[in-house]
Amino acid sequence: MTTIERRPQALPGSWVWPHALHPVLRQVVERRTLASPMELDLSLKSLLPVSRFDELGPAVELLLAYRDAPILIAGDFDADGATSTALMVLALQDLGFTQVGFRIPDRFRHGYGLSRGFVESLGAPAPRLIVTVDNGISSHDGVAAARERGIDVLITDHHLPPDELPAATVIVNPNLATSAFPGKSLAGVGVAFYLLAALGKALEQPAAVTRYLDLVALGTVADLVRLDQANRILVDQGLRRIRAGQCRPGIRALAQVSGTALAGITTSSLGFRIGPRLNAAGRLDDMAVGVRCLLTDSADEAAEIAATLDSLNRERQELEADMKAEALAIVAALELPDASLPAVICVQRDDWHEGLVGLVAARVKERYHRPSFAFARTAGGELKGSGRSIPGFHLRDALAEVDARNPGLITRFGGHAMAAGLTLEAAAFERFAAALTEVATAHIDPGTLTKKILSDGALAPEHFTVPVAKLLRDSLPWGQGFPEPCFDDRFRLLDCRRLKDLHLKLRLEPLAGGGAVDAIAFHQADTDWPVGSVRHIAYRLALNDYYADERVQLIVEHIVPV
């Protein structure tokens, strides 16, 4: 069941904003969570200072000790890991580090993070220092293997730490229990940015990392971390550089193959067009391909690699569509109404692609509005699973509770509130599903299992305009924890037709007045809406640039009868 509800005004009406706000923008931001009006200041001077991140000092000292020695950046195989890796390599080289290389673990041979197998595969000569980005906080065996070979390890990560930390030389993670740094929501690339900013400050080159804010914006948005003020600043500053054409050739090439104009790029563009093409390399092939796309200074080479990534993404889409259909069929075979489904959904097939189980979990979660896990069997015979959650249920904490109640059931796990991964023995799937359902049932408020479309209220007829749509698109970065503006009202359907048997193309007349407006409802073609009927519609105000002149178009989130 899905309902449309209006967000309450969360902010005091007496607040004095740092600059004049358009009435529609004020209508929206007054329904967001802000600590003060100054949180709308997205200039770099408002970023949390590196001096508040105490762990950066020892990390900078360690890096400086190896300025002329071989350093290996060990990344992760998602977009956050790829952008973190590219950022670290480029900025360290700019800061005078002479022997910086990178390597991404093979998802299928080494598994996630700095594993022992990954370290042992490095061969000789070994690096003197390994710097992890977007991983490492749970890599006990890999860190131990490195230290046994006399290699120092600097962990930079943002994932929630286990109770016992690996024996790394230095660990930088804002989520350590001992860290007083307020930026708990930084992505892996954000943590890398802060470390490099501190290093640049120590070397009196403070601008060495800010030139790569395009990478920081892409990794932050793609990793779906909460857009608190720190992340909004990083993303906004990166978007400004991309829109001005001041971005890596690889980002420009990925935008081009995805049909995205740099001047109009948004967080949605990064999250749904560019990010998936970068992620496709890590899911199906080797994320080193994606990192090389971001590292190259050659526009021609970037275009060639971007074309490869685009082809991998099309392959990923086809595989994902098949797996999604199979997953939904598994749930449908339970023959239970949505309200009677278990509090958490777990699906598994031996023949699924292990690189795509996270996407399948996301699709099941979207369909049933339940925390969901999908599992595939690895070449080694284990089950590798990935989960996605809904607001109100912390996945990583839930896995920790399952692990504590059932020692040995889970082989490995990690993650954060909204996404997590784990490995099980092949015979443990049913036990795990039952154990996780028990934990979820105990912790999930039944009310959270009803999907709510939260609206910012009605949009006045005079605001259905191209300038207002551009204002909402460009004024602030929208994303996790700072959602894109959504409005609701009653409309009369003037026309309704199907597109590709997937979507609905609509012509709507606002009952509140004003002229008719075009709308599109993606993936809602399974419903008939009679012309002339009145419907309550939640929507986003967007631009349709298909025609020579830009026009307003509503993106329909949900339709209910009146």
Protein backbone atom coordinates (compact mmCIF):
# COMPACT_ATOMS: atom_id res chain seq x y z
CA MET A 1 0.00 0.00 0.00
CA THR A 2 1.23 3.50 -0.86
CA THR A 3 -0.10 6.76 0.56
CA ILE A 4 0.53 10.43 -0.21
CA GLU A 5 1.22 12.51 2.87
CA ARG A 6 2.37 16.10 3.29
CA ARG A 7 5.55 16.89 5.16
CA PRO A 8 5.01 19.12 8.17
CA GLN A 9 6.82 22.43 8.27
CA ALA A 10 9.94 21.52 10.22
CA LEU A 11 11.60 24.92 10.59
CA PRO A 12 10.62 28.02 12.59
CA GLY A 13 8.78 30.59 10.52
CA SER A 14 10.78 33.27 12.31
CA TRP A 15 14.08 32.19 10.79
CA VAL A 16 15.93 34.84 8.79
CA TRP A 17 17.43 33.19 5.71
CA PRO A 18 20.98 34.09 4.62
CA HIS A 19 19.60 35.34 1.28
CA ALA A 20 16.21 35.92 -0.27
CA LEU A 21 14.44 32.70 -1.16
CA HIS A 22 11.96 32.19 -3.97
CA PRO A 23 8.59 31.30 -2.36
CA VAL A 24 8.62 27.77 -3.87
CA LEU A 25 12.16 27.12 -2.62
CA ARG A 26 11.17 28.40 0.82
CA GLN A 27 8.11 26.13 0.77
CA VAL A 28 10.45 23.20 0.21
CA VAL A 29 13.37 23.95 2.53
CA GLU A 30 11.05 24.73 5.44
CA ARG A 31 10.07 21.05 5.24
CA ARG A 32 13.67 19.77 5.39
CA THR A 33 15.78 19.09 8.47
CA LEU A 34 18.21 21.96 9.01
CA ALA A 35 19.99 22.98 12.21
CA SER A 36 20.11 26.66 11.24
CA PRO A 37 19.51 28.91 8.22
CA MET A 38 23.27 28.89 7.61
CA GLU A 39 23.03 25.30 6.46
CA LEU A 40 21.92 26.70 3.11
CA ASP A 41 25.38 28.25 2.73
CA LEU A 42 27.14 25.79 0.42
CA SER A 43 30.43 27.65 0.01
CA LEU A 44 33.66 25.81 0.81
CA LYS A 45 34.31 28.18 3.73
CA SER A 46 31.31 26.58 5.48
CA LEU A 47 32.78 23.07 5.23
CA LEU A 48 33.74 21.40 8.51
CA PRO A 49 37.45 22.27 9.00
CA VAL A 50 40.07 19.53 8.80
CA SER A 51 41.31 20.65 12.22
CA ARG A 52 38.23 19.02 13.77
CA PHE A 53 39.16 15.60 12.32
CA ASP A 54 41.82 14.51 14.83
CA GLU A 55 42.72 11.24 13.11
CA LEU A 56 44.02 13.12 10.07
CA GLY A 57 47.22 14.21 11.86
CA PRO A 58 48.80 10.74 12.24
CA ALA A 59 47.63 9.83 8.71
CA VAL A 60 49.35 12.89 7.20
CA GLU A 61 52.57 12.05 9.06
CA LEU A 62 52.44 8.49 7.74
CA LEU A 63 51.93 9.64 4.16
CA LEU A 64 54.76 12.16 4.35
CA ALA A 65 57.12 9.41 5.53
CA TYR A 66 56.51 7.61 2.21
CA ARG A 67 56.54 10.57 -0.18
CA ASP A 68 59.31 9.00 -2.30
CA ALA A 69 58.43 5.33 -1.69
CA PRO A 70 56.05 2.94 -3.49
CA ILE A 71 52.46 3.52 -2.33
CA LEU A 72 49.52 1.36 -3.42
CA ILE A 73 45.96 2.69 -3.32
CA ALA A 74 43.62 -0.25 -2.68
CA GLY A 75 40.12 0.68 -3.82
CA ASP A 76 36.69 -0.84 -3.89
CA PHE A 77 34.70 -2.05 -6.88
CA ASP A 78 31.86 0.49 -6.77
CA ALA A 79 31.60 4.13 -7.88
CA ASP A 80 32.57 5.45 -4.45
CA GLY A 81 35.64 3.21 -4.49
CA ALA A 82 36.55 4.18 -8.06
CA THR A 83 36.27 7.92 -7.45
CA SER A 84 38.15 7.57 -4.13
CA THR A 85 40.95 5.71 -5.87
CA ALA A 86 41.23 8.21 -8.72
CA LEU A 87 41.10 11.14 -6.29
CA MET A 88 43.88 9.69 -4.12
CA VAL A 89 46.15 8.88 -7.07
CA LEU A 90 45.70 12.25 -8.80
CA ALA A 91 46.02 14.42 -5.68
CA LEU A 92 49.04 12.55 -4.29
CA GLN A 93 50.82 12.91 -7.62
CA ASP A 94 50.00 16.63 -7.65
CA LEU A 95 51.43 16.90 -4.13
CA GLY A 96 54.77 15.45 -5.19
CA PHE A 97 54.40 11.77 -4.35
CA THR A 98 56.56 9.97 -6.90
CA GLN A 99 55.49 6.31 -6.84
CA VAL A 100 51.73 6.04 -6.54
CA GLY A 101 49.89 3.11 -8.05
CA PHE A 102 46.45 1.57 -7.55
CA ARG A 103 44.77 -1.79 -7.60
CA ILE A 104 41.15 -2.88 -7.22
CA PRO A 105 40.36 -6.31 -5.75
CA ASP A 106 38.84 -8.82 -8.12
CA ARG A 107 35.27 -9.19 -6.85
CA PHE A 108 35.18 -12.86 -7.83
CA ARG A 109 38.69 -13.96 -6.73
CA HIS A 110 39.50 -11.72 -3.77
CA GLY A 111 36.10 -10.67 -2.49
CA TYR A 112 35.45 -7.36 -0.81
CA GLY A 113 38.10 -5.22 0.81
CA LEU A 114 41.73 -5.73 1.69
CA SER A 115 41.67 -9.53 1.90
CA ARG A 116 44.62 -11.80 2.56
CA GLY A 117 44.34 -13.17 -0.98
CA PHE A 118 44.50 -9.65 -2.39
CA VAL A 119 47.65 -8.83 -0.39
CA GLU A 120 49.32 -12.13 -1.31
CA SER A 121 48.58 -11.49 -5.00
CA LEU A 122 50.62 -8.27 -5.00
CA GLY A 123 53.85 -10.11 -5.68
CA ALA A 124 57.23 -8.39 -5.59
CA PRO A 125 58.42 -5.77 -5.20
CA ALA A 126 55.78 -5.02 -2.62
CA PRO A 127 54.61 -1.48 -1.87
CA ARG A 128 55.92 0.14 1.29
CA LEU A 129 52.50 1.55 2.15
CA ILE A 130 48.96 0.44 1.30
CA VAL A 131 46.26 3.09 1.52
CA THR A 132 42.72 1.71 1.44
CA VAL A 133 39.89 3.89 0.22
CA ASP A 134 36.20 3.12 0.86
CA ASN A 135 37.15 -0.18 2.52
CA GLY A 136 39.40 -1.79 5.08
CA ILE A 137 37.63 -1.17 8.38
CA SER A 138 36.76 -4.89 8.67
CA SER A 139 39.84 -6.27 6.87
CA HIS A 140 41.58 -8.02 9.76
CA ASP A 141 43.19 -10.78 7.69
CA GLY A 142 44.33 -8.52 4.88
CA VAL A 143 45.88 -5.99 7.24
CA ALA A 144 47.61 -8.78 9.14
CA ALA A 145 48.97 -10.21 5.87
CA ALA A 146 50.33 -6.81 4.88
CA ARG A 147 51.98 -6.18 8.25
CA GLU A 148 53.54 -9.67 8.12
CA ARG A 149 55.26 -8.55 4.89
CA GLY A 150 56.48 -5.34 6.51
CA ILE A 151 53.93 -3.14 4.71
CA ASP A 152 52.35 -0.25 6.59
CA VAL A 153 48.59 0.13 6.15
CA LEU A 154 46.59 3.36 6.23
CA ILE A 155 42.86 2.63 6.28
CA THR A 156 40.48 5.32 5.05
CA ASP A 157 36.88 4.18 5.23
CA HIS A 158 33.40 5.35 6.16
CA HIS A 159 31.63 2.05 6.84
CA LEU A 160 30.60 1.26 10.39
CA PRO A 161 33.48 -0.37 12.26
CA PRO A 162 33.35 -3.76 13.98
CA ASP A 163 33.89 -4.08 17.72
CA GLU A 164 37.52 -5.07 17.15
CA LEU A 165 39.52 -2.98 14.66
CA PRO A 166 42.16 -4.37 12.30
CA ALA A 167 45.79 -3.76 13.34
CA ALA A 168 46.45 -1.07 10.73
CA THR A 169 49.19 1.51 11.20
CA VAL A 170 46.64 4.34 11.10
CA ILE A 171 42.86 4.33 10.66
CA VAL A 172 40.85 7.32 9.40
CA ASN A 173 37.10 6.80 9.73
CA PRO A 174 34.66 9.40 11.10
CA ASN A 175 32.48 6.58 12.45
CA LEU A 176 35.08 5.26 14.89
CA ALA A 177 33.78 5.32 18.43
CA THR A 178 36.77 7.49 19.38
CA SER A 179 36.21 10.06 16.62
CA ALA A 180 34.65 13.38 17.60
CA PHE A 181 34.44 14.57 13.99
CA PRO A 182 30.82 15.54 13.17
CA GLY A 183 30.95 14.44 9.53
CA LYS A 184 29.61 10.94 10.15
CA SER A 185 27.83 10.76 6.78
CA LEU A 186 30.86 11.24 4.52
CA ALA A 187 31.22 8.73 1.70
CA GLY A 188 34.54 6.98 1.19
CA VAL A 189 35.51 9.65 -1.32
CA GLY A 190 34.62 12.32 1.25
CA VAL A 191 36.96 10.75 3.81
CA ALA A 192 39.71 10.64 1.17
CA PHE A 193 39.01 14.29 0.34
CA TYR A 194 39.49 15.33 3.98
CA LEU A 195 42.74 13.41 4.29
CA LEU A 196 44.10 14.99 1.11
CA ALA A 197 42.93 18.44 2.22
CA ALA A 198 44.88 18.00 5.47
CA LEU A 199 47.90 16.78 3.53
CA GLY A 200 47.68 19.73 1.13
CA LYS A 201 47.48 22.10 4.10
CA ALA A 202 50.61 20.53 5.62
CA LEU A 203 52.43 20.95 2.30
CA GLU A 204 51.10 24.50 1.85
CA GLN A 205 49.14 23.45 -1.24
CA PRO A 206 45.55 23.71 0.04
CA ALA A 207 44.00 23.85 -3.45
CA ALA A 208 45.54 20.57 -4.61
CA VAL A 209 42.42 18.53 -3.82
CA THR A 210 39.62 21.04 -4.48
CA ARG A 211 40.26 20.82 -8.22
CA TYR A 212 38.93 17.25 -8.05
CA LEU A 213 35.60 18.03 -6.41
CA ASP A 214 33.87 16.65 -9.51
CA LEU A 215 35.07 13.19 -8.43
CA VAL A 216 33.95 13.82 -4.84
CA ALA A 217 30.45 14.81 -6.00
CA LEU A 218 30.08 11.73 -8.21
CA GLY A 219 31.22 9.26 -5.55
CA THR A 220 29.15 10.87 -2.80
CA VAL A 221 25.92 10.82 -4.80
CA ALA A 222 26.48 7.33 -6.21
CA ASP A 223 27.02 5.86 -2.74
CA LEU A 224 23.63 7.10 -1.49
CA VAL A 225 25.01 8.58 1.73
CA ARG A 226 22.95 11.14 3.62
CA LEU A 227 23.30 14.63 2.19
CA ASP A 228 23.95 16.54 5.39
CA GLN A 229 25.47 20.01 5.06
CA ALA A 230 29.03 18.72 4.61
CA ASN A 231 28.00 16.40 1.80
CA ARG A 232 25.73 19.03 0.23
CA ILE A 233 28.70 21.40 0.08
CA LEU A 234 30.96 18.78 -1.52
CA VAL A 235 28.28 17.81 -4.05
CA ASP A 236 27.24 21.38 -4.86
CA GLN A 237 30.82 22.49 -5.40
CA GLY A 238 31.49 19.47 -7.59
CA LEU A 239 28.34 20.05 -9.64
CA ARG A 240 29.34 23.67 -10.22
CA ARG A 241 32.66 22.54 -11.64
CA ILE A 242 31.05 19.91 -13.86
CA ARG A 243 28.45 22.34 -15.21
CA ALA A 244 31.24 24.78 -16.03
CA GLY A 245 33.11 22.06 -17.92
CA GLN A 246 35.88 21.94 -15.29
CA CYS A 247 35.77 18.19 -14.80
CA ARG A 248 37.79 15.11 -15.59
CA PRO A 249 37.68 13.98 -19.24
CA GLY A 250 36.23 10.68 -17.98
CA ILE A 251 33.23 12.36 -16.38
CA ARG A 252 32.68 14.40 -19.52
CA ALA A 253 32.83 11.22 -21.63
CA LEU A 254 30.46 9.31 -19.33
CA ALA A 255 28.01 12.20 -19.49
CA GLN A 256 28.20 12.17 -23.28
CA VAL A 257 27.53 8.42 -23.67
CA SER A 258 24.60 8.74 -21.27
CA GLY A 259 23.08 11.62 -23.23
CA THR A 260 23.59 14.11 -20.40
CA ALA A 261 24.49 17.76 -21.08
CA LEU A 262 27.13 19.00 -18.65
CA ALA A 263 25.44 22.38 -18.26
CA GLY A 264 22.27 20.81 -16.84
CA ILE A 265 23.80 18.03 -14.78
CA THR A 266 22.14 17.25 -11.44
CA THR A 267 22.44 14.79 -8.59
CA SER A 268 19.93 12.62 -10.46
CA SER A 269 22.21 12.64 -13.50
CA LEU A 270 25.13 11.48 -11.35
CA GLY A 271 23.07 8.87 -9.53
CA PHE A 272 21.06 7.37 -12.39
CA ARG A 273 23.11 7.97 -15.54
CA ILE A 274 26.82 8.39 -14.85
CA GLY A 275 27.16 6.36 -11.64
CA PRO A 276 25.59 3.16 -13.05
CA ARG A 277 27.92 3.20 -16.06
CA LEU A 278 30.92 3.48 -13.77
CA ASN A 279 29.53 0.79 -11.46
CA ALA A 280 28.99 -1.60 -14.37
CA ALA A 281 32.74 -2.22 -14.59
CA GLY A 282 32.93 -3.41 -10.99
CA ARG A 283 29.79 -5.51 -11.27
CA LEU A 284 30.61 -7.38 -14.46
CA ASP A 285 34.28 -6.88 -15.27
CA ASP A 286 37.11 -5.03 -13.51
CA MET A 287 36.66 -1.66 -11.80
CA ALA A 288 40.21 -0.79 -12.84
CA VAL A 289 38.60 0.05 -16.20
CA GLY A 290 36.41 2.64 -14.47
CA VAL A 291 39.35 4.07 -12.52
CA ARG A 292 41.38 4.44 -15.72
CA CYS A 293 38.45 6.33 -17.24
CA LEU A 294 38.64 8.83 -14.37
CA LEU A 295 42.44 9.04 -14.35
CA THR A 296 43.18 9.68 -18.01
CA ASP A 297 43.92 13.19 -19.23
CA SER A 298 43.18 12.16 -22.84
CA ALA A 299 39.70 12.98 -24.13
CA ASP A 300 40.04 10.31 -26.83
CA GLU A 301 41.02 7.60 -24.36
CA ALA A 302 38.24 8.68 -21.99
CA ALA A 303 35.69 8.44 -24.81
CA GLU A 304 36.93 4.96 -25.74
CA ILE A 305 36.73 3.68 -22.15
CA ALA A 306 33.34 5.35 -21.61
CA ALA A 307 32.00 3.49 -24.65
CA THR A 308 33.19 0.22 -23.08
CA LEU A 309 31.51 1.13 -19.79
CA ASP A 310 28.30 2.02 -21.62
CA SER A 311 28.32 -1.39 -23.31
CA LEU A 312 28.87 -3.11 -19.95
CA ASN A 313 25.99 -1.10 -18.51
CA ARG A 314 23.63 -2.30 -21.25
CA GLU A 315 24.67 -5.87 -20.50
CA ARG A 316 24.11 -5.18 -16.80
CA GLN A 317 20.61 -3.84 -17.51
CA GLU A 318 19.64 -6.99 -19.42
CA LEU A 319 20.95 -9.33 -16.72
CA GLU A 320 19.36 -7.25 -13.98
CA ALA A 321 15.97 -7.28 -15.72
CA ASP A 322 16.00 -11.09 -15.86
CA MET A 323 17.11 -11.42 -12.25
CA LYS A 324 14.54 -8.89 -11.07
CA ALA A 325 11.74 -10.80 -12.81
CA GLU A 326 12.91 -14.05 -11.21
CA ALA A 327 13.15 -12.44 -7.77
CA LEU A 328 9.66 -10.97 -7.97
CA ALA A 329 8.36 -14.35 -9.13
CA ILE A 330 9.90 -15.99 -6.03
CA VAL A 331 8.05 -13.53 -3.78
CA ALA A 332 4.81 -13.83 -5.78
CA ALA A 333 4.98 -17.62 -5.41
CA LEU A 334 4.51 -17.17 -1.66
CA GLU A 335 0.92 -16.18 -2.57
CA LEU A 336 0.74 -13.72 0.29
CA PRO A 337 -0.80 -10.24 0.15
CA ASP A 338 1.76 -7.48 0.62
CA ALA A 339 0.49 -6.80 4.16
CA SER A 340 1.21 -10.42 5.15
CA LEU A 341 4.73 -10.63 3.74
CA PRO A 342 7.54 -11.15 6.26
CA ALA A 343 9.14 -8.03 7.74
CA VAL A 344 12.25 -8.66 5.63
CA ILE A 345 12.43 -10.41 2.25
CA CYS A 346 15.28 -12.77 1.35
CA VAL A 347 15.60 -14.29 -2.14
CA GLN A 348 18.28 -16.56 -3.59
CA ARG A 349 19.19 -18.38 -6.78
CA ASP A 350 22.38 -20.27 -7.51
CA ASP A 351 22.59 -19.00 -11.09
CA TRP A 352 22.33 -15.28 -10.33
CA HIS A 353 25.29 -13.01 -11.02
CA GLU A 354 26.90 -12.16 -7.70
CA GLY A 355 27.82 -8.67 -8.91
CA LEU A 356 24.16 -7.74 -9.35
CA VAL A 357 22.51 -9.03 -6.18
CA GLY A 358 22.52 -5.56 -4.62
CA LEU A 359 20.51 -4.20 -7.53
CA VAL A 360 18.04 -7.07 -7.25
CA ALA A 361 17.63 -6.40 -3.53
CA ALA A 362 16.95 -2.74 -4.35
CA ARG A 363 14.25 -3.66 -6.87
CA VAL A 364 12.51 -6.04 -4.45
CA LYS A 365 12.67 -3.37 -1.74
CA GLU A 366 11.13 -0.80 -4.09
CA ARG A 367 8.32 -3.17 -5.11
CA TYR A 368 7.31 -4.38 -1.65
CA HIS A 369 8.67 -1.65 0.63
CA ARG A 370 10.42 -4.19 2.82
CA PRO A 371 14.11 -4.51 3.73
CA SER A 372 15.36 -7.03 1.17
CA PHE A 373 18.36 -9.28 0.60
CA ALA A 374 19.35 -11.15 -2.55
CA PHE A 375 21.93 -13.95 -2.66
CA ALA A 376 23.93 -15.69 -5.38
CA ARG A 377 26.27 -18.66 -5.15
CA THR A 378 29.94 -17.84 -5.71
CA ALA A 379 32.45 -19.96 -7.60
CA GLY A 380 33.72 -21.15 -4.22
CA GLY A 381 30.29 -22.43 -3.24
CA GLU A 382 29.42 -19.74 -0.68
CA LEU A 383 26.38 -17.48 -0.83
CA LYS A 384 27.13 -13.82 -1.32
CA GLY A 385 24.30 -11.50 -0.35
CA SER A 386 23.52 -7.82 -0.54
CA GLY A 387 20.71 -5.95 1.18
CA ARG A 388 18.84 -2.67 0.87
CA SER A 389 16.68 -1.16 3.57
CA ILE A 390 13.83 1.25 4.20
CA PRO A 391 13.87 4.19 6.64
CA GLY A 392 13.61 2.98 10.20
CA PHE A 393 15.59 -0.27 9.90
CA HIS A 394 19.39 -0.23 10.22
CA LEU A 395 20.75 -3.10 8.13
CA ARG A 396 24.28 -3.28 9.49
CA ASP A 397 23.03 -3.20 13.09
CA ALA A 398 20.49 -5.92 12.25
CA LEU A 399 23.23 -8.16 10.83
CA ALA A 400 25.33 -7.54 13.95
CA GLU A 401 22.39 -8.65 16.10
CA VAL A 402 21.83 -11.78 14.00
CA ASP A 403 25.54 -12.56 14.29
CA ALA A 404 25.51 -12.10 18.07
CA ARG A 405 22.45 -14.34 18.50
CA ASN A 406 23.70 -16.99 16.05
CA PRO A 407 27.52 -17.29 16.29
CA GLY A 408 29.06 -18.70 13.12
CA LEU A 409 25.94 -18.31 11.00
CA ILE A 410 27.33 -15.33 9.06
CA THR A 411 30.83 -15.74 7.64
CA ARG A 412 31.44 -12.02 6.98
CA PHE A 413 29.31 -8.89 6.97
CA GLY A 414 29.56 -5.11 6.80
CA GLY A 415 27.81 -2.00 5.59
CA HIS A 416 25.69 0.81 6.97
CA ALA A 417 22.07 1.71 7.66
CA MET A 418 20.59 1.46 4.17
CA ALA A 419 22.90 -1.07 2.47
CA ALA A 420 24.91 -4.05 3.68
CA GLY A 421 26.64 -7.14 2.38
CA LEU A 422 27.42 -10.56 3.82
CA THR A 423 28.62 -14.07 3.06
CA LEU A 424 27.00 -17.32 4.20
CA GLU A 425 27.71 -21.00 3.87
CA ALA A 426 25.45 -22.44 1.16
CA ALA A 427 23.36 -24.45 3.61
CA ALA A 428 22.74 -21.47 5.91
CA PHE A 429 20.29 -19.47 3.78
CA GLU A 430 17.04 -20.61 5.41
CA ARG A 431 18.48 -20.23 8.93
CA PHE A 432 19.71 -16.76 8.12
CA ALA A 433 16.39 -15.69 6.60
CA ALA A 434 14.54 -16.90 9.71
CA ALA A 435 17.01 -15.24 12.09
CA LEU A 436 16.91 -11.92 10.24
CA THR A 437 13.11 -11.99 10.07
CA GLU A 438 13.01 -12.49 13.85
CA VAL A 439 15.25 -9.44 14.37
CA ALA A 440 13.33 -7.34 11.85
CA THR A 441 9.96 -8.23 13.35
CA ALA A 442 11.21 -7.13 16.75
CA HIS A 443 12.55 -3.78 15.55
CA ILE A 444 10.37 -2.59 12.67
CA ASP A 445 7.36 -0.44 13.47
CA PRO A 446 4.54 -1.90 11.33
CA GLY A 447 3.66 1.63 10.24
CA THR A 448 6.98 1.94 8.42
CA LEU A 449 5.98 -0.93 6.11
CA THR A 450 3.43 1.34 4.43
CA LYS A 451 5.18 3.30 1.72
CA LYS A 452 4.63 7.01 2.10
CA ILE A 453 5.13 9.53 -0.68
CA LEU A 454 5.99 12.69 1.25
CA SER A 455 4.89 15.88 -0.45
CA ASP A 456 5.90 19.50 0.05
CA GLY A 457 2.29 20.56 -0.52
CA ALA A 458 0.50 22.00 -3.53
CA LEU A 459 2.30 24.03 -6.18
CA ALA A 460 0.50 27.23 -7.11
CA PRO A 461 -0.64 27.34 -10.79
CA GLU A 462 1.62 30.32 -11.55
CA HIS A 463 4.67 28.24 -10.60
CA PHE A 464 4.27 25.58 -13.31
CA THR A 465 7.02 27.33 -15.28
CA VAL A 466 10.42 26.60 -16.80
CA PRO A 467 12.23 29.12 -14.52
CA VAL A 468 10.79 27.51 -11.37
CA ALA A 469 11.70 24.02 -12.64
CA LYS A 470 15.27 25.21 -13.27
CA LEU A 471 15.39 26.86 -9.85
CA LEU A 472 14.45 23.60 -8.11
CA ARG A 473 16.88 21.64 -10.28
CA ASP A 474 19.90 23.89 -9.80
CA SER A 475 19.56 25.70 -6.48
CA LEU A 476 20.42 22.88 -4.07
CA PRO A 477 21.74 19.32 -4.36
CA TRP A 478 18.96 16.87 -3.55
CA GLY A 479 19.42 13.28 -2.43
CA GLN A 480 19.39 10.93 0.55
CA GLY A 481 18.19 12.74 3.67
CA PHE A 482 17.54 15.93 1.69
CA PRO A 483 14.95 14.70 -0.79
CA GLU A 484 14.11 16.25 -4.12
CA PRO A 485 11.04 18.53 -4.02
CA CYS A 486 7.75 16.68 -4.46
CA PHE A 487 4.30 18.27 -4.68
CA ASP A 488 0.74 16.97 -4.77
CA ASP A 489 -2.66 18.16 -5.94
CA ARG A 490 -5.79 17.08 -7.81
CA PHE A 491 -5.82 16.93 -11.59
CA ARG A 492 -8.27 16.03 -14.32
CA LEU A 493 -6.90 13.57 -16.88
CA LEU A 494 -7.24 15.03 -20.37
CA ASP A 495 -5.25 12.32 -22.11
CA CYS A 496 -3.56 9.06 -21.15
CA ARG A 497 -1.53 6.75 -23.39
CA ARG A 498 1.10 4.04 -22.96
CA LEU A 499 4.74 4.36 -23.93
CA LYS A 500 6.59 1.13 -24.76
CA ASP A 501 4.06 -0.74 -22.59
CA LEU A 502 6.01 0.52 -19.57
CA HIS A 503 5.14 4.15 -18.94
CA LEU A 504 2.13 6.47 -19.07
CA LYS A 505 2.19 9.73 -20.99
CA LEU A 506 -0.42 12.05 -19.49
CA ARG A 507 -2.01 15.42 -20.16
CA LEU A 508 -3.30 16.94 -16.92
CA GLU A 509 -5.46 19.90 -15.97
CA PRO A 510 -4.89 21.25 -12.41
CA LEU A 511 -8.20 21.63 -10.61
CA ALA A 512 -6.69 24.63 -8.79
CA GLY A 513 -6.51 26.51 -12.09
CA GLY A 514 -3.93 27.23 -14.73
CA GLY A 515 -3.26 25.65 -18.09
CA ALA A 516 -2.89 21.98 -18.93
CA VAL A 517 0.50 20.38 -18.40
CA ASP A 518 2.30 17.28 -19.69
CA ALA A 519 3.29 14.48 -17.31
CA ILE A 520 4.94 11.09 -17.44
CA ALA A 521 4.48 8.19 -15.02
CA PHE A 522 7.41 5.80 -15.32
CA HIS A 523 6.76 2.06 -14.86
CA GLN A 524 3.06 2.59 -14.16
CA ALA A 525 1.59 1.34 -17.44
CA ASP A 526 -0.20 -1.56 -15.74
CA THR A 527 -3.03 0.75 -14.65
CA ASP A 528 -5.91 2.21 -16.68
CA TRP A 529 -6.88 5.78 -15.85
CA PRO A 530 -10.04 6.89 -17.72
CA VAL A 531 -9.87 10.23 -19.51
CA GLY A 532 -11.96 12.85 -17.71
CA SER A 533 -11.49 11.32 -14.28
CA VAL A 534 -10.00 13.25 -11.36
CA ARG A 535 -6.92 11.91 -9.63
CA HIS A 536 -4.79 12.87 -6.65
CA ILE A 537 -1.22 12.96 -7.96
CA ALA A 538 2.18 13.33 -6.28
CA TYR A 539 4.74 14.68 -8.72
CA ARG A 540 8.06 16.39 -9.28
CA LEU A 541 8.38 19.52 -11.42
CA ALA A 542 10.86 18.83 -14.22
CA LEU A 543 11.96 19.98 -17.66
CA ASN A 544 11.31 18.25 -20.96
CA ASP A 545 14.10 19.16 -23.37
CA TYR A 546 12.92 16.83 -26.13
CA TYR A 547 11.47 19.76 -28.07
CA ALA A 548 13.40 22.71 -29.48
CA ASP A 549 12.03 24.88 -26.68
CA GLU A 550 12.19 23.67 -23.09
CA ARG A 551 8.83 22.82 -21.51
CA VAL A 552 7.60 21.90 -18.08
CA GLN A 553 6.81 18.26 -17.45
CA LEU A 554 5.57 16.58 -14.29
CA ILE A 555 7.25 13.36 -13.20
CA VAL A 556 4.47 11.40 -11.52
CA GLU A 557 5.45 9.60 -8.33
CA HIS A 558 2.04 8.17 -7.47
CA ILE A 559 -1.60 8.35 -8.63
CA VAL A 560 -4.63 7.57 -6.49
CA PRO A 561 -8.33 7.90 -7.31
CA VAL A 562 -10.36 10.72 -5.81
